[in-house]
Amino acid sequence: MVPPSTPELTPPRSPAPSPLGTLWTDALTIFWGDWLDLRVRVWQVAASGLVSPLIYILAFGLGLGSSLDALAKPSAGENYLEFMLPGMVALSSMAISFGGTTFSICGERLFTKTFEEMLLVPIHPLAMLVGKMMAGIVRGLLTSGAVMLVAIVFTGKVWSFLNPLFLLIVVLNCAVFSGIGVLVGLSVQSLETVGLYNNFLIVPMSFLGGTFFDPATLPPLLKPIVYCLPLTYTSLGLRSAAYLPWQQFTWYTVPILAIAAISLALVGAQRFSQQQD
């Protein structure tokens, strides 16, 4: 009598990864490549963006601020120094997120010539863009974190600069200017061109983005220009998150910065897909 044949047992198949999971894993891979270079310069990155805010704090906050406090009370904070400290956090996160991302991509494209190898990797362009933006966000957080520590030392208000709304706006600001840095890094053909973008985009925005003044006090002709700058919404959001009750928080700043970051990410992903370096 022939024994009945037993059915062959096949091992269960592991579920296929979701497209979103694959995108996130690939983005972390790109980010890890930048982090390996960044981690040996953490203190240098954190300190590099601290010089300008410290100069502004000493010159404007402590020097000019005492005269301004005698004339009027600021719209947020107890004095002018407190008023400008959130603007310094916005300024430092903008400068380092933009500059670090731009020079990172320029170095890979123009000097080390490793950018072409990354373009040959079978990774979705959006994952490349997100990975580069994540590295820029980390750079911006390192520097803005140092400025926040300085702000806490000057004011003694820990929760004002470490509450979730404040940190959320800082992250969104880093994402916006990391996205701009990616687009500039993919477009320029020399470091001199990066200097032009810095002189005609970043430097004017540093002074016109509401870091030193309340945009609501501007003449009507200047308000449309100032309110077109993303740094303006960062400065407004950080001040309200630091000093005003949550009922008075400028909630419109969060979706504006989020939409700007997502739009820049989509445009940057398209540029990555069309890059011919």
C-alpha atoms as a PDB file:
ATOM      1  CA  MET A   1       0.000   0.000   0.000  1.00  0.00           C
ATOM      2  CA  VAL A   2       1.421   3.386  -1.085  1.00  0.00           C
ATOM      3  CA  PRO A   3       1.303   6.020   1.657  1.00  0.00           C
ATOM      4  CA  PRO A   4      -0.515   9.184   0.703  1.00  0.00           C
ATOM      5  CA  SER A   5       1.778  11.974  -0.398  1.00  0.00           C
ATOM      6  CA  THR A   6       2.105  14.902   1.963  1.00  0.00           C
ATOM      7  CA  PRO A   7       1.732  18.395   0.509  1.00  0.00           C
ATOM      8  CA  GLU A   8       4.903  20.422   0.302  1.00  0.00           C
ATOM      9  CA  LEU A   9       5.127  23.154   2.881  1.00  0.00           C
ATOM     10  CA  THR A  10       6.228  26.541   1.524  1.00  0.00           C
ATOM     11  CA  PRO A  11       7.609  29.137   3.897  1.00  0.00           C
ATOM     12  CA  PRO A  12       5.379  32.170   4.359  1.00  0.00           C
ATOM     13  CA  ARG A  13       6.356  35.129   2.250  1.00  0.00           C
ATOM     14  CA  SER A  14       7.208  38.338   3.974  1.00  0.00           C
ATOM     15  CA  PRO A  15       4.913  41.191   2.997  1.00  0.00           C
ATOM     16  CA  ALA A  16       6.268  43.508   0.338  1.00  0.00           C
ATOM     17  CA  PRO A  17       7.380  46.853   1.739  1.00  0.00           C
ATOM     18  CA  SER A  18       5.008  49.714   1.117  1.00  0.00           C
ATOM     19  CA  PRO A  19       6.088  52.480  -1.282  1.00  0.00           C
ATOM     20  CA  LEU A  20       6.039  54.970   1.575  1.00  0.00           C
ATOM     21  CA  GLY A  21       8.221  52.703   3.719  1.00  0.00           C
ATOM     22  CA  THR A  22      10.685  52.252   0.852  1.00  0.00           C
ATOM     23  CA  LEU A  23      10.769  56.004   0.272  1.00  0.00           C
ATOM     24  CA  TRP A  24      11.496  56.645   3.944  1.00  0.00           C
ATOM     25  CA  THR A  25      14.228  53.987   4.074  1.00  0.00           C
ATOM     26  CA  ASP A  26      15.911  55.420   0.982  1.00  0.00           C
ATOM     27  CA  ALA A  27      15.706  58.945   2.405  1.00  0.00           C
ATOM     28  CA  LEU A  28      17.377  57.758   5.616  1.00  0.00           C
ATOM     29  CA  THR A  29      20.124  56.189   3.505  1.00  0.00           C
ATOM     30  CA  ILE A  30      20.842  59.515   1.789  1.00  0.00           C
ATOM     31  CA  PHE A  31      20.690  61.315   5.124  1.00  0.00           C
ATOM     32  CA  TRP A  32      23.085  58.827   6.719  1.00  0.00           C
ATOM     33  CA  GLY A  33      25.704  59.586   4.076  1.00  0.00           C
ATOM     34  CA  ASP A  34      25.590  63.277   4.982  1.00  0.00           C
ATOM     35  CA  TRP A  35      25.453  62.529   8.713  1.00  0.00           C
ATOM     36  CA  LEU A  36      28.705  60.547   8.552  1.00  0.00           C
ATOM     37  CA  ASP A  37      30.398  63.713   7.327  1.00  0.00           C
ATOM     38  CA  LEU A  38      28.456  66.005   9.654  1.00  0.00           C
ATOM     39  CA  ARG A  39      28.934  64.143  12.932  1.00  0.00           C
ATOM     40  CA  VAL A  40      32.670  64.874  13.069  1.00  0.00           C
ATOM     41  CA  ARG A  41      31.912  68.615  12.783  1.00  0.00           C
ATOM     42  CA  VAL A  42      28.915  68.913  15.103  1.00  0.00           C
ATOM     43  CA  TRP A  43      30.460  71.512  17.409  1.00  0.00           C
ATOM     44  CA  GLN A  44      31.862  73.443  14.454  1.00  0.00           C
ATOM     45  CA  VAL A  45      28.451  73.586  12.784  1.00  0.00           C
ATOM     46  CA  ALA A  46      26.707  74.574  16.015  1.00  0.00           C
ATOM     47  CA  ALA A  47      29.211  77.371  16.671  1.00  0.00           C
ATOM     48  CA  SER A  48      29.488  78.674  13.103  1.00  0.00           C
ATOM     49  CA  GLY A  49      25.982  80.090  13.048  1.00  0.00           C
ATOM     50  CA  LEU A  50      26.214  81.497  16.553  1.00  0.00           C
ATOM     51  CA  VAL A  51      28.569  84.396  15.800  1.00  0.00           C
ATOM     52  CA  SER A  52      26.169  86.680  13.908  1.00  0.00           C
ATOM     53  CA  PRO A  53      23.226  86.241  16.320  1.00  0.00           C
ATOM     54  CA  LEU A  54      25.500  86.973  19.277  1.00  0.00           C
ATOM     55  CA  ILE A  55      26.729  90.166  17.622  1.00  0.00           C
ATOM     56  CA  TYR A  56      23.148  91.246  16.897  1.00  0.00           C
ATOM     57  CA  ILE A  57      22.080  90.419  20.457  1.00  0.00           C
ATOM     58  CA  LEU A  58      24.895  92.462  21.966  1.00  0.00           C
ATOM     59  CA  ALA A  59      24.616  95.381  19.532  1.00  0.00           C
ATOM     60  CA  PHE A  60      20.843  95.654  19.106  1.00  0.00           C
ATOM     61  CA  GLY A  61      19.334  93.775  22.026  1.00  0.00           C
ATOM     62  CA  LEU A  62      21.558  95.108  24.793  1.00  0.00           C
ATOM     63  CA  GLY A  63      22.816  98.305  23.165  1.00  0.00           C
ATOM     64  CA  LEU A  64      19.986  99.779  21.122  1.00  0.00           C
ATOM     65  CA  GLY A  65      17.325  97.871  23.046  1.00  0.00           C
ATOM     66  CA  SER A  66      17.684  99.961  26.216  1.00  0.00           C
ATOM     67  CA  SER A  67      16.856 103.105  24.246  1.00  0.00           C
ATOM     68  CA  LEU A  68      13.902 101.501  22.479  1.00  0.00           C
ATOM     69  CA  ASP A  69      12.454 100.175  25.736  1.00  0.00           C
ATOM     70  CA  ALA A  70      12.229 103.744  27.023  1.00  0.00           C
ATOM     71  CA  LEU A  71      10.085 104.723  24.017  1.00  0.00           C
ATOM     72  CA  ALA A  72       7.611 101.863  23.634  1.00  0.00           C
ATOM     73  CA  LYS A  73       6.805  98.367  24.799  1.00  0.00           C
ATOM     74  CA  PRO A  74       7.314  95.641  22.136  1.00  0.00           C
ATOM     75  CA  SER A  75       4.372  93.653  20.801  1.00  0.00           C
ATOM     76  CA  ALA A  76       5.796  90.422  22.265  1.00  0.00           C
ATOM     77  CA  GLY A  77       8.126  89.952  25.213  1.00  0.00           C
ATOM     78  CA  GLU A  78       8.871  92.252  28.110  1.00  0.00           C
ATOM     79  CA  ASN A  79      11.620  94.235  26.368  1.00  0.00           C
ATOM     80  CA  TYR A  80      13.311  94.590  22.985  1.00  0.00           C
ATOM     81  CA  LEU A  81      15.927  91.953  23.794  1.00  0.00           C
ATOM     82  CA  GLU A  82      13.223  89.371  24.386  1.00  0.00           C
ATOM     83  CA  PHE A  83      11.420  90.583  21.262  1.00  0.00           C
ATOM     84  CA  MET A  84      14.409  89.976  18.977  1.00  0.00           C
ATOM     85  CA  LEU A  85      15.626  86.655  20.434  1.00  0.00           C
ATOM     86  CA  PRO A  86      13.060  84.510  18.527  1.00  0.00           C
ATOM     87  CA  GLY A  87      14.095  86.394  15.395  1.00  0.00           C
ATOM     88  CA  MET A  88      17.702  85.399  16.042  1.00  0.00           C
ATOM     89  CA  VAL A  89      16.639  81.755  16.264  1.00  0.00           C
ATOM     90  CA  ALA A  90      14.840  82.145  12.933  1.00  0.00           C
ATOM     91  CA  LEU A  91      17.831  83.883  11.359  1.00  0.00           C
ATOM     92  CA  SER A  92      20.378  81.288  12.489  1.00  0.00           C
ATOM     93  CA  SER A  93      18.264  78.314  11.411  1.00  0.00           C
ATOM     94  CA  MET A  94      17.705  79.934   8.014  1.00  0.00           C
ATOM     95  CA  ALA A  95      21.361  80.741   7.350  1.00  0.00           C
ATOM     96  CA  ILE A  96      22.792  77.354   8.296  1.00  0.00           C
ATOM     97  CA  SER A  97      20.031  75.261   6.700  1.00  0.00           C
ATOM     98  CA  PHE A  98      20.431  77.134   3.431  1.00  0.00           C
ATOM     99  CA  GLY A  99      24.214  77.471   3.431  1.00  0.00           C
ATOM    100  CA  GLY A 100      24.990  73.975   4.678  1.00  0.00           C
ATOM    101  CA  THR A 101      22.689  72.286   2.165  1.00  0.00           C
ATOM    102  CA  THR A 102      23.868  74.423  -0.740  1.00  0.00           C
ATOM    103  CA  PHE A 103      27.569  73.927  -0.107  1.00  0.00           C
ATOM    104  CA  SER A 104      27.094  70.203   0.550  1.00  0.00           C
ATOM    105  CA  ILE A 105      25.511  69.654  -2.867  1.00  0.00           C
ATOM    106  CA  CYS A 106      27.922  72.028  -4.585  1.00  0.00           C
ATOM    107  CA  GLY A 107      30.871  70.170  -3.090  1.00  0.00           C
ATOM    108  CA  GLU A 108      29.550  66.843  -4.357  1.00  0.00           C
ATOM    109  CA  ARG A 109      28.759  68.248  -7.812  1.00  0.00           C
ATOM    110  CA  LEU A 110      31.704  70.522  -8.496  1.00  0.00           C
ATOM    111  CA  PHE A 111      34.648  69.210  -6.463  1.00  0.00           C
ATOM    112  CA  THR A 112      34.479  65.605  -5.232  1.00  0.00           C
ATOM    113  CA  LYS A 113      32.379  64.559  -8.266  1.00  0.00           C
ATOM    114  CA  THR A 114      30.445  62.033  -6.180  1.00  0.00           C
ATOM    115  CA  PHE A 115      27.055  63.498  -7.009  1.00  0.00           C
ATOM    116  CA  GLU A 116      26.869  61.544 -10.282  1.00  0.00           C
ATOM    117  CA  GLU A 117      27.182  58.281  -8.382  1.00  0.00           C
ATOM    118  CA  MET A 118      24.209  59.190  -6.192  1.00  0.00           C
ATOM    119  CA  LEU A 119      22.110  59.938  -9.284  1.00  0.00           C
ATOM    120  CA  LEU A 120      22.835  56.423 -10.600  1.00  0.00           C
ATOM    121  CA  VAL A 121      21.520  54.772  -7.437  1.00  0.00           C
ATOM    122  CA  PRO A 122      18.012  53.269  -7.962  1.00  0.00           C
ATOM    123  CA  ILE A 123      16.365  55.593  -5.461  1.00  0.00           C
ATOM    124  CA  HIS A 124      13.301  57.729  -6.044  1.00  0.00           C
ATOM    125  CA  PRO A 125      14.195  61.410  -6.595  1.00  0.00           C
ATOM    126  CA  LEU A 126      11.870  62.425  -3.770  1.00  0.00           C
ATOM    127  CA  ALA A 127      13.843  60.202  -1.374  1.00  0.00           C
ATOM    128  CA  MET A 128      17.074  61.927  -2.445  1.00  0.00           C
ATOM    129  CA  LEU A 129      15.496  65.306  -1.861  1.00  0.00           C
ATOM    130  CA  VAL A 130      14.069  64.343   1.537  1.00  0.00           C
ATOM    131  CA  GLY A 131      17.419  62.907   2.636  1.00  0.00           C
ATOM    132  CA  LYS A 132      19.253  66.105   1.725  1.00  0.00           C
ATOM    133  CA  MET A 133      16.570  68.222   3.402  1.00  0.00           C
ATOM    134  CA  MET A 134      16.829  66.127   6.569  1.00  0.00           C
ATOM    135  CA  ALA A 135      20.568  66.800   6.692  1.00  0.00           C
ATOM    136  CA  GLY A 136      19.877  70.523   6.272  1.00  0.00           C
ATOM    137  CA  ILE A 137      17.269  70.431   9.039  1.00  0.00           C
ATOM    138  CA  VAL A 138      19.770  68.794  11.400  1.00  0.00           C
ATOM    139  CA  ARG A 139      22.345  71.491  10.578  1.00  0.00           C
ATOM    140  CA  GLY A 140      19.812  74.217  11.261  1.00  0.00           C
ATOM    141  CA  LEU A 141      18.672  72.627  14.523  1.00  0.00           C
ATOM    142  CA  LEU A 142      22.249  72.385  15.775  1.00  0.00           C
ATOM    143  CA  THR A 143      22.814  76.111  15.323  1.00  0.00           C
ATOM    144  CA  SER A 144      19.360  77.291  16.368  1.00  0.00           C
ATOM    145  CA  GLY A 145      19.633  75.050  19.428  1.00  0.00           C
ATOM    146  CA  ALA A 146      22.770  76.925  20.439  1.00  0.00           C
ATOM    147  CA  VAL A 147      20.962  80.256  19.969  1.00  0.00           C
ATOM    148  CA  MET A 148      18.022  78.981  22.040  1.00  0.00           C
ATOM    149  CA  LEU A 149      20.423  78.166  24.881  1.00  0.00           C
ATOM    150  CA  VAL A 150      21.757  81.724  24.672  1.00  0.00           C
ATOM    151  CA  ALA A 151      18.185  83.045  24.733  1.00  0.00           C
ATOM    152  CA  ILE A 152      17.397  80.971  27.815  1.00  0.00           C
ATOM    153  CA  VAL A 153      20.496  82.330  29.549  1.00  0.00           C
ATOM    154  CA  PHE A 154      19.516  85.949  28.790  1.00  0.00           C
ATOM    155  CA  THR A 155      15.825  85.591  29.682  1.00  0.00           C
ATOM    156  CA  GLY A 156      15.628  82.627  32.084  1.00  0.00           C
ATOM    157  CA  LYS A 157      12.481  81.447  30.248  1.00  0.00           C
ATOM    158  CA  VAL A 158      13.144  77.798  29.464  1.00  0.00           C
ATOM    159  CA  TRP A 159       9.627  76.785  28.408  1.00  0.00           C
ATOM    160  CA  SER A 160       9.268  79.793  26.100  1.00  0.00           C
ATOM    161  CA  PHE A 161      12.023  78.471  23.822  1.00  0.00           C
ATOM    162  CA  LEU A 162      11.520  74.728  24.271  1.00  0.00           C
ATOM    163  CA  ASN A 163       7.747  74.313  23.924  1.00  0.00           C
ATOM    164  CA  PRO A 164       6.420  72.096  21.096  1.00  0.00           C
ATOM    165  CA  LEU A 165       4.995  74.939  18.987  1.00  0.00           C
ATOM    166  CA  PHE A 166       8.303  76.816  19.069  1.00  0.00           C
ATOM    167  CA  LEU A 167      10.271  73.711  18.060  1.00  0.00           C
ATOM    168  CA  LEU A 168       7.754  72.836  15.328  1.00  0.00           C
ATOM    169  CA  ILE A 169       8.172  76.221  13.660  1.00  0.00           C
ATOM    170  CA  VAL A 170      11.962  75.968  13.876  1.00  0.00           C
ATOM    171  CA  VAL A 171      11.848  72.578  12.131  1.00  0.00           C
ATOM    172  CA  LEU A 172       9.522  73.926   9.422  1.00  0.00           C
ATOM    173  CA  ASN A 173      11.790  76.916   8.875  1.00  0.00           C
ATOM    174  CA  CYS A 174      14.806  74.617   8.516  1.00  0.00           C
ATOM    175  CA  ALA A 175      12.854  72.499   6.031  1.00  0.00           C
ATOM    176  CA  VAL A 176      11.902  75.530   3.926  1.00  0.00           C
ATOM    177  CA  PHE A 177      15.430  76.871   3.611  1.00  0.00           C
ATOM    178  CA  SER A 178      16.943  73.421   3.186  1.00  0.00           C
ATOM    179  CA  GLY A 179      14.601  73.033   0.219  1.00  0.00           C
ATOM    180  CA  ILE A 180      15.766  76.378  -1.177  1.00  0.00           C
ATOM    181  CA  GLY A 181      19.361  75.280  -0.577  1.00  0.00           C
ATOM    182  CA  VAL A 182      18.800  72.089  -2.560  1.00  0.00           C
ATOM    183  CA  LEU A 183      17.421  74.025  -5.523  1.00  0.00           C
ATOM    184  CA  VAL A 184      20.326  76.486  -5.447  1.00  0.00           C
ATOM    185  CA  GLY A 185      22.871  73.688  -5.027  1.00  0.00           C
ATOM    186  CA  LEU A 186      21.485  71.880  -8.069  1.00  0.00           C
ATOM    187  CA  SER A 187      21.460  75.032 -10.200  1.00  0.00           C
ATOM    188  CA  VAL A 188      24.738  76.866  -9.618  1.00  0.00           C
ATOM    189  CA  GLN A 189      27.921  76.180 -11.539  1.00  0.00           C
ATOM    190  CA  SER A 190      30.413  77.840  -9.181  1.00  0.00           C
ATOM    191  CA  LEU A 191      30.768  78.962  -5.577  1.00  0.00           C
ATOM    192  CA  GLU A 192      30.738  82.590  -6.736  1.00  0.00           C
ATOM    193  CA  THR A 193      27.144  82.097  -7.835  1.00  0.00           C
ATOM    194  CA  VAL A 194      26.290  80.799  -4.364  1.00  0.00           C
ATOM    195  CA  GLY A 195      27.641  84.073  -3.000  1.00  0.00           C
ATOM    196  CA  LEU A 196      25.254  85.982  -5.245  1.00  0.00           C
ATOM    197  CA  TYR A 197      22.261  84.026  -3.939  1.00  0.00           C
ATOM    198  CA  ASN A 198      23.435  84.652  -0.397  1.00  0.00           C
ATOM    199  CA  ASN A 199      23.903  88.402  -0.964  1.00  0.00           C
ATOM    200  CA  PHE A 200      20.657  89.005  -2.854  1.00  0.00           C
ATOM    201  CA  LEU A 201      18.371  86.508  -1.084  1.00  0.00           C
ATOM    202  CA  ILE A 202      19.543  85.476   2.380  1.00  0.00           C
ATOM    203  CA  VAL A 203      21.126  88.728   3.617  1.00  0.00           C
ATOM    204  CA  PRO A 204      18.141  90.962   2.679  1.00  0.00           C
ATOM    205  CA  MET A 205      15.744  88.431   4.159  1.00  0.00           C
ATOM    206  CA  SER A 206      17.753  88.427   7.396  1.00  0.00           C
ATOM    207  CA  PHE A 207      16.878  92.092   7.974  1.00  0.00           C
ATOM    208  CA  LEU A 208      13.473  92.273   6.247  1.00  0.00           C
ATOM    209  CA  GLY A 209      12.003  89.024   7.589  1.00  0.00           C
ATOM    210  CA  GLY A 210      10.671  90.492  10.820  1.00  0.00           C
ATOM    211  CA  THR A 211      13.703  89.515  12.874  1.00  0.00           C
ATOM    212  CA  PHE A 212      14.277  93.022  14.273  1.00  0.00           C
ATOM    213  CA  PHE A 213      10.840  94.626  13.946  1.00  0.00           C
ATOM    214  CA  ASP A 214       7.128  93.917  13.943  1.00  0.00           C
ATOM    215  CA  PRO A 215       5.908  93.682  10.300  1.00  0.00           C
ATOM    216  CA  ALA A 216       2.518  95.067  11.346  1.00  0.00           C
ATOM    217  CA  THR A 217       4.107  98.481  11.955  1.00  0.00           C
ATOM    218  CA  LEU A 218       5.424  98.851   8.388  1.00  0.00           C
ATOM    219  CA  PRO A 219       3.918 101.245   5.824  1.00  0.00           C
ATOM    220  CA  PRO A 220       1.290  99.650   3.577  1.00  0.00           C
ATOM    221  CA  LEU A 221       3.588  99.751   0.535  1.00  0.00           C
ATOM    222  CA  LEU A 222       6.233  97.602   2.234  1.00  0.00           C
ATOM    223  CA  LYS A 223       3.949  95.053   3.883  1.00  0.00           C
ATOM    224  CA  PRO A 224       3.308  92.973   0.702  1.00  0.00           C
ATOM    225  CA  ILE A 225       7.065  92.572   0.186  1.00  0.00           C
ATOM    226  CA  VAL A 226       7.768  91.568   3.773  1.00  0.00           C
ATOM    227  CA  TYR A 227       4.826  89.163   3.968  1.00  0.00           C
ATOM    228  CA  CYS A 228       6.055  87.358   0.851  1.00  0.00           C
ATOM    229  CA  LEU A 229       9.167  86.232   2.749  1.00  0.00           C
ATOM    230  CA  PRO A 230       8.948  82.870   4.555  1.00  0.00           C
ATOM    231  CA  LEU A 231      11.234  84.125   7.326  1.00  0.00           C
ATOM    232  CA  THR A 232       8.572  86.678   8.276  1.00  0.00           C
ATOM    233  CA  TYR A 233       6.116  83.914   9.197  1.00  0.00           C
ATOM    234  CA  THR A 234       8.833  82.111  11.124  1.00  0.00           C
ATOM    235  CA  SER A 235       9.606  85.220  13.182  1.00  0.00           C
ATOM    236  CA  LEU A 236       5.911  85.879  13.856  1.00  0.00           C
ATOM    237  CA  GLY A 237       5.257  82.270  14.815  1.00  0.00           C
ATOM    238  CA  LEU A 238       8.284  81.988  17.093  1.00  0.00           C
ATOM    239  CA  ARG A 239       7.422  85.192  18.968  1.00  0.00           C
ATOM    240  CA  SER A 240       3.835  84.196  19.554  1.00  0.00           C
ATOM    241  CA  ALA A 241       4.883  80.660  20.564  1.00  0.00           C
ATOM    242  CA  ALA A 242       7.453  82.033  23.012  1.00  0.00           C
ATOM    243  CA  TYR A 243       5.545  84.843  24.734  1.00  0.00           C
ATOM    244  CA  LEU A 244       1.828  84.862  23.928  1.00  0.00           C
ATOM    245  CA  PRO A 245      -0.934  82.544  25.231  1.00  0.00           C
ATOM    246  CA  TRP A 246      -1.793  79.705  22.906  1.00  0.00           C
ATOM    247  CA  GLN A 247      -5.165  81.340  22.197  1.00  0.00           C
ATOM    248  CA  GLN A 248      -3.245  84.225  20.579  1.00  0.00           C
ATOM    249  CA  PHE A 249      -0.832  82.022  18.670  1.00  0.00           C
ATOM    250  CA  THR A 250      -0.541  82.914  14.983  1.00  0.00           C
ATOM    251  CA  TRP A 251      -1.795  79.547  13.714  1.00  0.00           C
ATOM    252  CA  TYR A 252      -1.659  80.619  10.074  1.00  0.00           C
ATOM    253  CA  THR A 253       2.151  80.552  10.178  1.00  0.00           C
ATOM    254  CA  VAL A 254       2.243  76.744  10.527  1.00  0.00           C
ATOM    255  CA  PRO A 255       0.316  75.843   7.326  1.00  0.00           C
ATOM    256  CA  ILE A 256       2.094  78.568   5.354  1.00  0.00           C
ATOM    257  CA  LEU A 257       5.532  77.208   6.269  1.00  0.00           C
ATOM    258  CA  ALA A 258       4.371  73.602   5.786  1.00  0.00           C
ATOM    259  CA  ILE A 259       2.966  74.349   2.320  1.00  0.00           C
ATOM    260  CA  ALA A 260       6.180  76.164   1.387  1.00  0.00           C
ATOM    261  CA  ALA A 261       8.303  73.200   2.535  1.00  0.00           C
ATOM    262  CA  ILE A 262       6.156  70.641   0.679  1.00  0.00           C
ATOM    263  CA  SER A 263       6.119  72.744  -2.499  1.00  0.00           C
ATOM    264  CA  LEU A 264       9.903  73.115  -2.423  1.00  0.00           C
ATOM    265  CA  ALA A 265      10.249  69.366  -1.847  1.00  0.00           C
ATOM    266  CA  LEU A 266       8.155  68.557  -4.928  1.00  0.00           C
ATOM    267  CA  VAL A 267      10.049  71.046  -7.080  1.00  0.00           C
ATOM    268  CA  GLY A 268      13.353  69.733  -5.759  1.00  0.00           C
ATOM    269  CA  ALA A 269      12.379  66.131  -6.472  1.00  0.00           C
ATOM    270  CA  GLN A 270      11.578  67.104 -10.063  1.00  0.00           C
ATOM    271  CA  ARG A 271      14.983  68.778 -10.362  1.00  0.00           C
ATOM    272  CA  PHE A 272      16.678  65.648  -9.028  1.00  0.00           C
ATOM    273  CA  SER A 273      14.879  63.533 -11.640  1.00  0.00           C
ATOM    274  CA  GLN A 274      16.052  65.860 -14.420  1.00  0.00           C
ATOM    275  CA  GLN A 275      19.603  66.475 -13.156  1.00  0.00           C
ATOM    276  CA  GLN A 276      22.222  65.590 -15.776  1.00  0.00           C
ATOM    277  CA  ASP A 277      25.471  66.004 -13.784  1.00  0.00           C
END
